[in-house]
Amino acid sequence: MKKRIIIIIPVLVTVLTIPSLLLAVERAPRISDREIVERLTKLEEGQKHLRSQMNSRFDDLRSETNSRFDDLCSEMNSRFEAIDKRFDILQWMLGLFITIALVILGFVLRMQWQMQRRQTRMETSLETYKNELAFIKGLIYKLLSPKGAL
């Protein structure tokens, strides 16, 4: 009996489920060639419309990007011009500083040269005075009487 129940239950389950599975499949209606062609033309028109929309959007984005890029380039050019002006001012200041430094150096060197020249003149005059004093001292010693004579 148990063997019969074991065999009957699976058979009963398969008999009851197979028709319900067969009913789950739906048949598609027949489509004519004319309907297929009409639907394809509608799809092509839709794609053309989408392409035109996408092209217009890309053109808008391209023009917007170009305008932003042009604005950025003009802004950068104005900044570079400002930097160039600052470098021009810096160049003039540096040139002025170098010129002043060279003028001061020239004055210092001229003063040193004049002091050297005065020193050599003073040394020659002192040498002359020394020689004259030595000559006068020698005359005085010659003209003085000897120490034991008076």
Protein backbone atom coordinates (compact mmCIF):
# COMPACT_ATOMS: atom_id res chain seq x y z
CA MET A 1 0.00 0.00 0.00
CA LYS A 2 2.76 2.32 0.83
CA LYS A 3 4.39 1.62 -2.49
CA ARG A 4 1.19 2.46 -4.30
CA ILE A 5 0.81 5.79 -2.53
CA ILE A 6 4.40 6.64 -3.31
CA ILE A 7 3.77 5.99 -7.00
CA ILE A 8 0.29 7.59 -7.17
CA ILE A 9 1.27 10.92 -5.58
CA PRO A 10 3.97 11.86 -8.13
CA VAL A 11 1.77 10.77 -11.04
CA LEU A 12 -1.12 12.82 -9.68
CA VAL A 13 1.10 15.89 -9.21
CA THR A 14 2.45 15.69 -12.78
CA VAL A 15 -1.01 15.19 -14.25
CA LEU A 16 -2.33 18.25 -12.46
CA THR A 17 0.66 20.59 -13.18
CA ILE A 18 1.31 19.85 -16.88
CA PRO A 19 -1.96 21.38 -18.19
CA SER A 20 -1.43 24.52 -16.12
CA LEU A 21 2.08 24.86 -17.59
CA LEU A 22 0.72 24.49 -21.07
CA LEU A 23 -1.80 27.24 -20.43
CA ALA A 24 0.97 29.62 -19.30
CA VAL A 25 2.40 29.89 -22.84
CA GLU A 26 0.70 32.67 -24.81
CA ARG A 27 0.51 32.60 -28.54
CA ALA A 28 1.67 35.69 -30.38
CA PRO A 29 -0.66 37.12 -32.99
CA ARG A 30 0.51 37.01 -36.58
CA ILE A 31 2.04 40.25 -37.84
CA SER A 32 1.94 41.08 -41.50
CA ASP A 33 4.87 42.40 -43.52
CA ARG A 34 3.14 45.71 -43.96
CA GLU A 35 2.90 46.22 -40.17
CA ILE A 36 6.58 45.34 -39.81
CA VAL A 37 7.55 47.91 -42.45
CA GLU A 38 5.37 50.58 -40.82
CA ARG A 39 6.89 49.99 -37.41
CA LEU A 40 10.42 50.05 -38.83
CA THR A 41 9.75 53.39 -40.55
CA LYS A 42 8.39 54.79 -37.27
CA LEU A 43 11.54 53.58 -35.50
CA GLU A 44 13.77 55.16 -38.13
CA GLU A 45 11.91 58.47 -37.86
CA GLY A 46 12.28 58.35 -34.07
CA GLN A 47 16.00 57.71 -34.39
CA LYS A 48 16.36 60.63 -36.82
CA HIS A 49 14.53 62.85 -34.38
CA LEU A 50 16.75 61.67 -31.50
CA ARG A 51 19.87 62.27 -33.64
CA SER A 52 18.76 65.80 -34.46
CA GLN A 53 18.08 66.49 -30.78
CA MET A 54 21.46 65.09 -29.77
CA ASN A 55 23.23 67.12 -32.48
CA SER A 56 21.52 70.30 -31.34
CA ARG A 57 22.47 69.56 -27.71
CA PHE A 58 26.08 68.88 -28.72
CA ASP A 59 26.15 72.09 -30.75
CA ASP A 60 24.83 74.02 -27.75
CA LEU A 61 27.41 72.41 -25.49
CA ARG A 62 30.17 73.09 -28.02
CA SER A 63 29.24 76.76 -28.37
CA GLU A 64 28.96 77.13 -24.57
CA THR A 65 32.33 75.45 -24.08
CA ASN A 66 33.91 77.65 -26.74
CA SER A 67 32.53 80.79 -25.12
CA ARG A 68 33.80 79.70 -21.70
CA PHE A 69 37.20 78.89 -23.18
CA ASP A 70 37.34 82.28 -24.92
CA ASP A 71 36.43 84.02 -21.66
CA LEU A 72 39.11 82.06 -19.84
CA CYS A 73 41.70 82.90 -22.51
CA SER A 74 40.88 86.62 -22.38
CA GLU A 75 41.09 86.55 -18.58
CA MET A 76 44.45 84.78 -18.71
CA ASN A 77 45.74 87.29 -21.28
CA SER A 78 44.77 90.18 -19.03
CA ARG A 79 46.54 88.50 -16.09
CA PHE A 80 49.65 87.93 -18.21
CA GLU A 81 49.61 91.59 -19.26
CA ALA A 82 49.45 92.63 -15.60
CA ILE A 83 52.37 90.32 -14.81
CA ASP A 84 54.33 91.77 -17.75
CA LYS A 85 53.74 95.30 -16.41
CA ARG A 86 55.00 94.23 -12.99
CA PHE A 87 58.11 92.71 -14.54
CA ASP A 88 58.70 95.93 -16.50
CA ILE A 89 58.51 97.94 -13.29
CA LEU A 90 60.82 95.45 -11.58
CA GLN A 91 63.29 95.70 -14.47
CA TRP A 92 63.35 99.51 -14.25
CA MET A 93 63.81 99.39 -10.47
CA LEU A 94 66.66 96.90 -10.79
CA GLY A 95 68.32 99.01 -13.49
CA LEU A 96 67.99 102.12 -11.32
CA PHE A 97 69.45 100.30 -8.31
CA ILE A 98 72.41 99.04 -10.35
CA THR A 99 73.02 102.54 -11.75
CA ILE A 100 72.99 104.12 -8.30
CA ALA A 101 75.30 101.41 -6.97
CA LEU A 102 77.77 102.00 -9.84
CA VAL A 103 77.70 105.79 -9.28
CA ILE A 104 78.40 105.34 -5.56
CA LEU A 105 81.19 102.88 -6.36
CA GLY A 106 82.67 105.41 -8.80
CA PHE A 107 82.63 108.15 -6.15
CA VAL A 108 84.26 105.87 -3.60
CA LEU A 109 86.99 104.81 -6.04
CA ARG A 110 87.63 108.45 -7.06
CA MET A 111 87.91 109.49 -3.42
CA GLN A 112 90.30 106.63 -2.73
CA TRP A 113 92.41 107.60 -5.75
CA GLN A 114 92.50 111.24 -4.61
CA MET A 115 93.47 110.22 -1.09
CA GLN A 116 96.23 108.01 -2.49
CA ARG A 117 97.48 110.86 -4.63
CA ARG A 118 97.44 113.27 -1.67
CA GLN A 119 99.24 110.71 0.48
CA THR A 120 102.01 110.26 -2.10
CA ARG A 121 102.39 114.06 -2.39
CA MET A 122 102.50 114.35 1.39
CA GLU A 123 105.07 111.56 1.62
CA THR A 124 107.29 113.22 -1.00
CA SER A 125 107.01 116.59 0.75
CA LEU A 126 107.79 115.00 4.15
CA GLU A 127 110.75 113.21 2.58
CA THR A 128 111.93 116.54 1.21
CA TYR A 129 111.50 118.21 4.63
CA LYS A 130 113.36 115.34 6.28
CA ASN A 131 116.23 115.70 3.87
CA GLU A 132 116.31 119.49 4.37
CA LEU A 133 116.22 119.08 8.17
CA ALA A 134 119.01 116.54 8.02
CA PHE A 135 121.05 118.97 5.89
CA ILE A 136 120.41 121.88 8.32
CA LYS A 137 121.18 119.65 11.30
CA GLY A 138 124.43 118.64 9.66
CA LEU A 139 125.33 122.33 9.06
CA ILE A 140 124.53 123.21 12.66
CA TYR A 141 126.80 120.44 13.95
CA LYS A 142 129.56 121.63 11.62
CA LEU A 143 129.17 125.25 12.65
CA LEU A 144 129.08 124.55 16.35
CA SER A 145 132.37 124.63 18.09
CA PRO A 146 133.80 121.49 19.49
CA LYS A 147 132.74 120.63 23.01
CA GLY A 148 136.03 121.06 24.70
CA ALA A 149 137.02 124.33 23.02
CA LEU A 150 135.12 126.78 25.12
